[in-house]
Amino acid sequence: MFMSTMQGFLSIRHKEEGSWFIQEVCKIFKTYGNELTFVDCVRKIMKSIREKEGIIDGSQIAQLPEIRKDRLLSDFQLKQIAPTI
């Protein structure tokens, strides 16, 4: 289970741009999904979110994504398939 933040904490979401977590999931898989394995993409997503900082109501905020109980028996890679015409 790959979660946007640790249990008991809030996930950051921008009103127009969406959540930090979903933004990074989309960006990383779009950029690296054809090159890196799933687990490597997850690591990049986690690192990127950990490095983000923001300010809400004058308070500095951060977010820590979490992976729980990895049940993958083997890693895999997403491959883009060219459309057939």
PDB file of N, CA and C in Angstrom:
ATOM      1  N   MET A   1       0.853  -1.165   0.000  1.00  0.00           N
ATOM      2  CA  MET A   1       0.000   0.000   0.000  1.00  0.00           C
ATOM      3  C   MET A   1       0.901   1.231   0.000  1.00  0.00           C
ATOM      4  N   PHE A   2       0.710   2.086  -0.951  1.00  0.00           N
ATOM      5  CA  PHE A   2       1.494   3.305  -1.104  1.00  0.00           C
ATOM      6  C   PHE A   2       0.590   4.468  -0.729  1.00  0.00           C
ATOM      7  N   MET A   3       0.933   5.165   0.344  1.00  0.00           N
ATOM      8  CA  MET A   3       0.057   6.219   0.877  1.00  0.00           C
ATOM      9  C   MET A   3       0.720   7.583   0.744  1.00  0.00           C
ATOM     10  N   SER A   4      -0.103   8.599   0.550  1.00  0.00           N
ATOM     11  CA  SER A   4       0.400   9.958   0.341  1.00  0.00           C
ATOM     12  C   SER A   4       1.085  10.526   1.575  1.00  0.00           C
ATOM     13  N   THR A   5       0.714  10.039   2.750  1.00  0.00           N
ATOM     14  CA  THR A   5       1.334  10.505   3.987  1.00  0.00           C
ATOM     15  C   THR A   5       1.201   9.439   5.068  1.00  0.00           C
ATOM     16  N   MET A   6       1.928   9.630   6.132  1.00  0.00           N
ATOM     17  CA  MET A   6       1.870   8.677   7.239  1.00  0.00           C
ATOM     18  C   MET A   6       0.511   8.756   7.935  1.00  0.00           C
ATOM     19  N   GLN A   7       0.067   7.642   8.474  1.00  0.00           N
ATOM     20  CA  GLN A   7      -1.225   7.587   9.152  1.00  0.00           C
ATOM     21  C   GLN A   7      -1.272   8.625  10.276  1.00  0.00           C
ATOM     22  N   GLY A   8      -2.390   9.344  10.336  1.00  0.00           N
ATOM     23  CA  GLY A   8      -2.586  10.347  11.372  1.00  0.00           C
ATOM     24  C   GLY A   8      -2.157  11.743  10.961  1.00  0.00           C
ATOM     25  N   PHE A   9      -1.580  11.878   9.761  1.00  0.00           N
ATOM     26  CA  PHE A   9      -1.150  13.181   9.275  1.00  0.00           C
ATOM     27  C   PHE A   9      -1.970  13.570   8.055  1.00  0.00           C
ATOM     28  N   LEU A  10      -1.978  14.857   7.750  1.00  0.00           N
ATOM     29  CA  LEU A  10      -2.745  15.355   6.613  1.00  0.00           C
ATOM     30  C   LEU A  10      -1.935  15.292   5.333  1.00  0.00           C
ATOM     31  N   SER A  11      -2.625  15.035   4.236  1.00  0.00           N
ATOM     32  CA  SER A  11      -2.022  15.062   2.913  1.00  0.00           C
ATOM     33  C   SER A  11      -2.246  16.460   2.332  1.00  0.00           C
ATOM     34  N   ILE A  12      -1.224  17.028   1.720  1.00  0.00           N
ATOM     35  CA  ILE A  12      -1.293  18.385   1.192  1.00  0.00           C
ATOM     36  C   ILE A  12      -1.956  18.370  -0.185  1.00  0.00           C
ATOM     37  N   ARG A  13      -2.922  19.272  -0.364  1.00  0.00           N
ATOM     38  CA  ARG A  13      -3.613  19.374  -1.658  1.00  0.00           C
ATOM     39  C   ARG A  13      -3.839  20.832  -2.000  1.00  0.00           C
ATOM     40  N   HIS A  14      -3.370  21.217  -3.182  1.00  0.00           N
ATOM     41  CA  HIS A  14      -3.585  22.572  -3.696  1.00  0.00           C
ATOM     42  C   HIS A  14      -4.954  22.615  -4.352  1.00  0.00           C
ATOM     43  N   LYS A  15      -5.690  23.703  -4.152  1.00  0.00           N
ATOM     44  CA  LYS A  15      -7.063  23.796  -4.667  1.00  0.00           C
ATOM     45  C   LYS A  15      -7.147  23.627  -6.179  1.00  0.00           C
ATOM     46  N   GLU A  16      -6.193  24.170  -6.919  1.00  0.00           N
ATOM     47  CA  GLU A  16      -6.241  24.079  -8.377  1.00  0.00           C
ATOM     48  C   GLU A  16      -5.338  22.985  -8.946  1.00  0.00           C
ATOM     49  N   GLU A  17      -4.197  22.752  -8.325  1.00  0.00           N
ATOM     50  CA  GLU A  17      -3.218  21.825  -8.881  1.00  0.00           C
ATOM     51  C   GLU A  17      -3.350  20.401  -8.349  1.00  0.00           C
ATOM     52  N   GLY A  18      -4.152  20.195  -7.324  1.00  0.00           N
ATOM     53  CA  GLY A  18      -4.339  18.862  -6.762  1.00  0.00           C
ATOM     54  C   GLY A  18      -3.312  18.536  -5.694  1.00  0.00           C
ATOM     55  N   SER A  19      -3.291  17.281  -5.278  1.00  0.00           N
ATOM     56  CA  SER A  19      -2.419  16.874  -4.180  1.00  0.00           C
ATOM     57  C   SER A  19      -0.972  16.732  -4.635  1.00  0.00           C
ATOM     58  N   TRP A  20      -0.060  17.001  -3.706  1.00  0.00           N
ATOM     59  CA  TRP A  20       1.364  16.814  -4.006  1.00  0.00           C
ATOM     60  C   TRP A  20       1.611  15.379  -4.432  1.00  0.00           C
ATOM     61  N   PHE A  21       0.977  14.444  -3.758  1.00  0.00           N
ATOM     62  CA  PHE A  21       1.189  13.024  -4.018  1.00  0.00           C
ATOM     63  C   PHE A  21       0.786  12.666  -5.452  1.00  0.00           C
ATOM     64  N   ILE A  22      -0.422  13.017  -5.852  1.00  0.00           N
ATOM     65  CA  ILE A  22      -0.903  12.670  -7.193  1.00  0.00           C
ATOM     66  C   ILE A  22      -0.112  13.416  -8.260  1.00  0.00           C
ATOM     67  N   GLN A  23       0.262  14.679  -7.989  1.00  0.00           N
ATOM     68  CA  GLN A  23       1.094  15.414  -8.941  1.00  0.00           C
ATOM     69  C   GLN A  23       2.395  14.658  -9.208  1.00  0.00           C
ATOM     70  N   GLU A  24       3.027  14.184  -8.146  1.00  0.00           N
ATOM     71  CA  GLU A  24       4.301  13.472  -8.287  1.00  0.00           C
ATOM     72  C   GLU A  24       4.127  12.104  -8.917  1.00  0.00           C
ATOM     73  N   VAL A  25       3.084  11.379  -8.548  1.00  0.00           N
ATOM     74  CA  VAL A  25       2.825  10.070  -9.162  1.00  0.00           C
ATOM     75  C   VAL A  25       2.706  10.240 -10.678  1.00  0.00           C
ATOM     76  N   CYS A  26       1.902  11.195 -11.107  1.00  0.00           N
ATOM     77  CA  CYS A  26       1.708  11.428 -12.550  1.00  0.00           C
ATOM     78  C   CYS A  26       3.010  11.849 -13.223  1.00  0.00           C
ATOM     79  N   LYS A  27       3.732  12.788 -12.606  1.00  0.00           N
ATOM     80  CA  LYS A  27       4.974  13.300 -13.194  1.00  0.00           C
ATOM     81  C   LYS A  27       6.035  12.208 -13.318  1.00  0.00           C
ATOM     82  N   ILE A  28       6.243  11.452 -12.251  1.00  0.00           N
ATOM     83  CA  ILE A  28       7.296  10.435 -12.253  1.00  0.00           C
ATOM     84  C   ILE A  28       6.962   9.296 -13.214  1.00  0.00           C
ATOM     85  N   PHE A  29       5.735   8.795 -13.201  1.00  0.00           N
ATOM     86  CA  PHE A  29       5.404   7.702 -14.113  1.00  0.00           C
ATOM     87  C   PHE A  29       5.408   8.171 -15.566  1.00  0.00           C
ATOM     88  N   LYS A  30       5.003   9.407 -15.810  1.00  0.00           N
ATOM     89  CA  LYS A  30       5.043   9.936 -17.175  1.00  0.00           C
ATOM     90  C   LYS A  30       6.487  10.081 -17.649  1.00  0.00           C
ATOM     91  N   THR A  31       7.369  10.530 -16.760  1.00  0.00           N
ATOM     92  CA  THR A  31       8.760  10.775 -17.123  1.00  0.00           C
ATOM     93  C   THR A  31       9.595   9.495 -17.144  1.00  0.00           C
ATOM     94  N   TYR A  32       9.438   8.638 -16.133  1.00  0.00           N
ATOM     95  CA  TYR A  32      10.322   7.491 -15.959  1.00  0.00           C
ATOM     96  C   TYR A  32       9.640   6.129 -16.074  1.00  0.00           C
ATOM     97  N   GLY A  33       8.334   6.099 -16.210  1.00  0.00           N
ATOM     98  CA  GLY A  33       7.605   4.832 -16.179  1.00  0.00           C
ATOM     99  C   GLY A  33       8.034   3.828 -17.233  1.00  0.00           C
ATOM    100  N   ASN A  34       8.564   4.324 -18.339  1.00  0.00           N
ATOM    101  CA  ASN A  34       9.003   3.444 -19.420  1.00  0.00           C
ATOM    102  C   ASN A  34      10.452   2.989 -19.239  1.00  0.00           C
ATOM    103  N   GLU A  35      11.164   3.623 -18.265  1.00  0.00           N
ATOM    104  CA  GLU A  35      12.591   3.331 -18.074  1.00  0.00           C
ATOM    105  C   GLU A  35      12.867   2.587 -16.767  1.00  0.00           C
ATOM    106  N   LEU A  36      12.208   3.010 -15.692  1.00  0.00           N
ATOM    107  CA  LEU A  36      12.497   2.483 -14.364  1.00  0.00           C
ATOM    108  C   LEU A  36      11.456   1.465 -13.935  1.00  0.00           C
ATOM    109  N   THR A  37      11.831   0.648 -12.975  1.00  0.00           N
ATOM    110  CA  THR A  37      10.866  -0.306 -12.426  1.00  0.00           C
ATOM    111  C   THR A  37       9.867   0.446 -11.540  1.00  0.00           C
ATOM    112  N   PHE A  38       8.792  -0.235 -11.199  1.00  0.00           N
ATOM    113  CA  PHE A  38       7.760   0.352 -10.350  1.00  0.00           C
ATOM    114  C   PHE A  38       8.353   0.810  -9.017  1.00  0.00           C
ATOM    115  N   VAL A  39       9.139  -0.040  -8.375  1.00  0.00           N
ATOM    116  CA  VAL A  39       9.717   0.294  -7.073  1.00  0.00           C
ATOM    117  C   VAL A  39      10.653   1.498  -7.183  1.00  0.00           C
ATOM    118  N   ASP A  40      11.441   1.576  -8.253  1.00  0.00           N
ATOM    119  CA  ASP A  40      12.313   2.736  -8.442  1.00  0.00           C
ATOM    120  C   ASP A  40      11.498   4.014  -8.631  1.00  0.00           C
ATOM    121  N   CYS A  41      10.389   3.921  -9.344  1.00  0.00           N
ATOM    122  CA  CYS A  41       9.503   5.088  -9.503  1.00  0.00           C
ATOM    123  C   CYS A  41       8.923   5.499  -8.149  1.00  0.00           C
ATOM    124  N   VAL A  42       8.497   4.536  -7.358  1.00  0.00           N
ATOM    125  CA  VAL A  42       7.950   4.828  -6.025  1.00  0.00           C
ATOM    126  C   VAL A  42       9.005   5.537  -5.172  1.00  0.00           C
ATOM    127  N   ARG A  43      10.242   5.078  -5.246  1.00  0.00           N
ATOM    128  CA  ARG A  43      11.323   5.730  -4.483  1.00  0.00           C
ATOM    129  C   ARG A  43      11.505   7.185  -4.921  1.00  0.00           C
ATOM    130  N   LYS A  44      11.451   7.441  -6.230  1.00  0.00           N
ATOM    131  CA  LYS A  44      11.581   8.808  -6.732  1.00  0.00           C
ATOM    132  C   LYS A  44      10.413   9.673  -6.242  1.00  0.00           C
ATOM    133  N   ILE A  45       9.208   9.120  -6.244  1.00  0.00           N
ATOM    134  CA  ILE A  45       8.026   9.845  -5.779  1.00  0.00           C
ATOM    135  C   ILE A  45       8.195  10.204  -4.308  1.00  0.00           C
ATOM    136  N   MET A  46       8.608   9.238  -3.502  1.00  0.00           N
ATOM    137  CA  MET A  46       8.778   9.484  -2.066  1.00  0.00           C
ATOM    138  C   MET A  46       9.848  10.548  -1.811  1.00  0.00           C
ATOM    139  N   LYS A  47      10.960  10.462  -2.511  1.00  0.00           N
ATOM    140  CA  LYS A  47      12.044  11.432  -2.336  1.00  0.00           C
ATOM    141  C   LYS A  47      11.568  12.836  -2.715  1.00  0.00           C
ATOM    142  N   SER A  48      10.883  12.941  -3.838  1.00  0.00           N
ATOM    143  CA  SER A  48      10.414  14.242  -4.314  1.00  0.00           C
ATOM    144  C   SER A  48       9.432  14.873  -3.330  1.00  0.00           C
ATOM    145  N   ILE A  49       8.505  14.096  -2.803  1.00  0.00           N
ATOM    146  CA  ILE A  49       7.523  14.633  -1.861  1.00  0.00           C
ATOM    147  C   ILE A  49       8.196  15.039  -0.549  1.00  0.00           C
ATOM    148  N   ARG A  50       9.158  14.243  -0.084  1.00  0.00           N
ATOM    149  CA  ARG A  50       9.881  14.587   1.148  1.00  0.00           C
ATOM    150  C   ARG A  50      10.621  15.915   1.023  1.00  0.00           C
ATOM    151  N   GLU A  51      11.045  16.260  -0.199  1.00  0.00           N
ATOM    152  CA  GLU A  51      11.800  17.491  -0.421  1.00  0.00           C
ATOM    153  C   GLU A  51      10.908  18.720  -0.587  1.00  0.00           C
ATOM    154  N   LYS A  52       9.613  18.516  -0.788  1.00  0.00           N
ATOM    155  CA  LYS A  52       8.689  19.650  -0.956  1.00  0.00           C
ATOM    156  C   LYS A  52       8.442  20.345   0.372  1.00  0.00           C
ATOM    157  N   GLU A  53       8.277  21.652   0.313  1.00  0.00           N
ATOM    158  CA  GLU A  53       7.915  22.449   1.483  1.00  0.00           C
ATOM    159  C   GLU A  53       6.886  23.474   1.060  1.00  0.00           C
ATOM    160  N   GLY A  54       6.059  23.858   1.976  1.00  0.00           N
ATOM    161  CA  GLY A  54       5.060  24.870   1.703  1.00  0.00           C
ATOM    162  C   GLY A  54       4.729  25.644   2.964  1.00  0.00           C
ATOM    163  N   ILE A  55       3.852  26.621   2.820  1.00  0.00           N
ATOM    164  CA  ILE A  55       3.409  27.422   3.967  1.00  0.00           C
ATOM    165  C   ILE A  55       1.888  27.519   3.908  1.00  0.00           C
ATOM    166  N   ILE A  56       1.245  27.173   5.010  1.00  0.00           N
ATOM    167  CA  ILE A  56      -0.211  27.323   5.155  1.00  0.00           C
ATOM    168  C   ILE A  56      -0.461  28.124   6.412  1.00  0.00           C
ATOM    169  N   ASP A  57      -1.195  29.215   6.270  1.00  0.00           N
ATOM    170  CA  ASP A  57      -1.527  30.087   7.406  1.00  0.00           C
ATOM    171  C   ASP A  57      -0.288  30.470   8.211  1.00  0.00           C
ATOM    172  N   GLY A  58       0.817  30.744   7.505  1.00  0.00           N
ATOM    173  CA  GLY A  58       2.039  31.178   8.164  1.00  0.00           C
ATOM    174  C   GLY A  58       2.873  30.072   8.765  1.00  0.00           C
ATOM    175  N   SER A  59       2.412  28.832   8.691  1.00  0.00           N
ATOM    176  CA  SER A  59       3.169  27.701   9.241  1.00  0.00           C
ATOM    177  C   SER A  59       3.824  26.905   8.117  1.00  0.00           C
ATOM    178  N   GLN A  60       5.080  26.527   8.319  1.00  0.00           N
ATOM    179  CA  GLN A  60       5.780  25.713   7.340  1.00  0.00           C
ATOM    180  C   GLN A  60       5.232  24.288   7.392  1.00  0.00           C
ATOM    181  N   ILE A  61       5.016  23.698   6.215  1.00  0.00           N
ATOM    182  CA  ILE A  61       4.453  22.352   6.133  1.00  0.00           C
ATOM    183  C   ILE A  61       5.344  21.444   5.290  1.00  0.00           C
ATOM    184  N   ALA A  62       5.224  20.169   5.528  1.00  0.00           N
ATOM    185  CA  ALA A  62       5.912  19.139   4.750  1.00  0.00           C
ATOM    186  C   ALA A  62       5.039  17.893   4.777  1.00  0.00           C
ATOM    187  N   GLN A  63       5.407  16.919   3.982  1.00  0.00           N
ATOM    188  CA  GLN A  63       4.617  15.691   3.903  1.00  0.00           C
ATOM    189  C   GLN A  63       5.564  14.505   3.781  1.00  0.00           C
ATOM    190  N   LEU A  64       5.252  13.415   4.460  1.00  0.00           N
ATOM    191  CA  LEU A  64       6.072  12.206   4.413  1.00  0.00           C
ATOM    192  C   LEU A  64       5.240  11.040   3.890  1.00  0.00           C
ATOM    193  N   PRO A  65       5.428  10.655   2.620  1.00  0.00           N
ATOM    194  CA  PRO A  65       4.695   9.502   2.087  1.00  0.00           C
ATOM    195  C   PRO A  65       5.164   8.212   2.762  1.00  0.00           C
ATOM    196  N   GLU A  66       4.370   7.173   2.608  1.00  0.00           N
ATOM    197  CA  GLU A  66       4.665   5.927   3.316  1.00  0.00           C
ATOM    198  C   GLU A  66       4.293   4.721   2.464  1.00  0.00           C
ATOM    199  N   ILE A  67       5.108   3.680   2.564  1.00  0.00           N
ATOM    200  CA  ILE A  67       4.786   2.382   1.966  1.00  0.00           C
ATOM    201  C   ILE A  67       4.563   1.418   3.113  1.00  0.00           C
ATOM    202  N   ARG A  68       3.461   0.684   3.050  1.00  0.00           N
ATOM    203  CA  ARG A  68       3.149  -0.307   4.081  1.00  0.00           C
ATOM    204  C   ARG A  68       3.031  -1.685   3.478  1.00  0.00           C
ATOM    205  N   LYS A  69       3.563  -2.638   4.178  1.00  0.00           N
ATOM    206  CA  LYS A  69       3.390  -4.053   3.845  1.00  0.00           C
ATOM    207  C   LYS A  69       3.510  -4.318   2.347  1.00  0.00           C
ATOM    208  N   ASP A  70       4.704  -4.161   1.854  1.00  0.00           N
ATOM    209  CA  ASP A  70       4.968  -4.437   0.450  1.00  0.00           C
ATOM    210  C   ASP A  70       4.718  -5.917   0.178  1.00  0.00           C
ATOM    211  N   ARG A  71       3.781  -6.212  -0.694  1.00  0.00           N
ATOM    212  CA  ARG A  71       3.448  -7.607  -0.999  1.00  0.00           C
ATOM    213  C   ARG A  71       3.856  -8.006  -2.414  1.00  0.00           C
ATOM    214  N   LEU A  72       4.618  -7.134  -3.059  1.00  0.00           N
ATOM    215  CA  LEU A  72       5.075  -7.485  -4.395  1.00  0.00           C
ATOM    216  C   LEU A  72       6.052  -8.651  -4.302  1.00  0.00           C
ATOM    217  N   LEU A  73       5.803  -9.678  -5.072  1.00  0.00           N
ATOM    218  CA  LEU A  73       6.716 -10.814  -5.096  1.00  0.00           C
ATOM    219  C   LEU A  73       7.907 -10.529  -6.001  1.00  0.00           C
ATOM    220  N   SER A  74       7.697  -9.670  -6.987  1.00  0.00           N
ATOM    221  CA  SER A  74       8.791  -9.244  -7.852  1.00  0.00           C
ATOM    222  C   SER A  74       8.457  -7.851  -8.384  1.00  0.00           C
ATOM    223  N   ASP A  75       9.491  -7.114  -8.682  1.00  0.00           N
ATOM    224  CA  ASP A  75       9.322  -5.770  -9.226  1.00  0.00           C
ATOM    225  C   ASP A  75       8.882  -5.887 -10.686  1.00  0.00           C
ATOM    226  N   PHE A  76       8.362  -4.836 -11.249  1.00  0.00           N
ATOM    227  CA  PHE A  76       7.940  -4.844 -12.641  1.00  0.00           C
ATOM    228  C   PHE A  76       8.163  -3.468 -13.239  1.00  0.00           C
ATOM    229  N   GLN A  77       8.085  -3.416 -14.554  1.00  0.00           N
ATOM    230  CA  GLN A  77       8.270  -2.155 -15.260  1.00  0.00           C
ATOM    231  C   GLN A  77       7.064  -1.923 -16.150  1.00  0.00           C
ATOM    232  N   LEU A  78       6.592  -0.684 -16.168  1.00  0.00           N
ATOM    233  CA  LEU A  78       5.493  -0.315 -17.042  1.00  0.00           C
ATOM    234  C   LEU A  78       6.055  -0.061 -18.433  1.00  0.00           C
ATOM    235  N   LYS A  79       5.407  -0.525 -19.447  1.00  0.00           N
ATOM    236  CA  LYS A  79       5.849  -0.310 -20.804  1.00  0.00           C
ATOM    237  C   LYS A  79       4.735   0.342 -21.613  1.00  0.00           C
ATOM    238  N   GLN A  80       5.084   1.402 -22.296  1.00  0.00           N
ATOM    239  CA  GLN A  80       4.118   2.064 -23.162  1.00  0.00           C
ATOM    240  C   GLN A  80       4.041   1.292 -24.466  1.00  0.00           C
ATOM    241  N   ILE A  81       2.843   0.989 -24.890  1.00  0.00           N
ATOM    242  CA  ILE A  81       2.648   0.243 -26.116  1.00  0.00           C
ATOM    243  C   ILE A  81       2.214   1.221 -27.197  1.00  0.00           C
ATOM    244  N   ALA A  82       2.872   1.148 -28.344  1.00  0.00           N
ATOM    245  CA  ALA A  82       2.522   2.021 -29.452  1.00  0.00           C
ATOM    246  C   ALA A  82       1.131   1.660 -29.964  1.00  0.00           C
ATOM    247  N   PRO A  83       0.305   2.672 -30.207  1.00  0.00           N
ATOM    248  CA  PRO A  83      -1.054   2.387 -30.700  1.00  0.00           C
ATOM    249  C   PRO A  83      -1.012   1.773 -32.097  1.00  0.00           C
ATOM    250  N   THR A  84      -1.923   0.857 -32.325  1.00  0.00           N
ATOM    251  CA  THR A  84      -2.026   0.247 -33.660  1.00  0.00           C
ATOM    252  C   THR A  84      -3.073   1.001 -34.458  1.00  0.00           C
ATOM    253  N   ILE A  85      -2.802   1.131 -35.711  1.00  0.00           N
ATOM    254  CA  ILE A  85      -3.730   1.887 -36.582  1.00  0.00           C
ATOM    255  C   ILE A  85      -4.348   0.974 -37.609  1.00  0.00           C
TER     256      ILE A  85
END
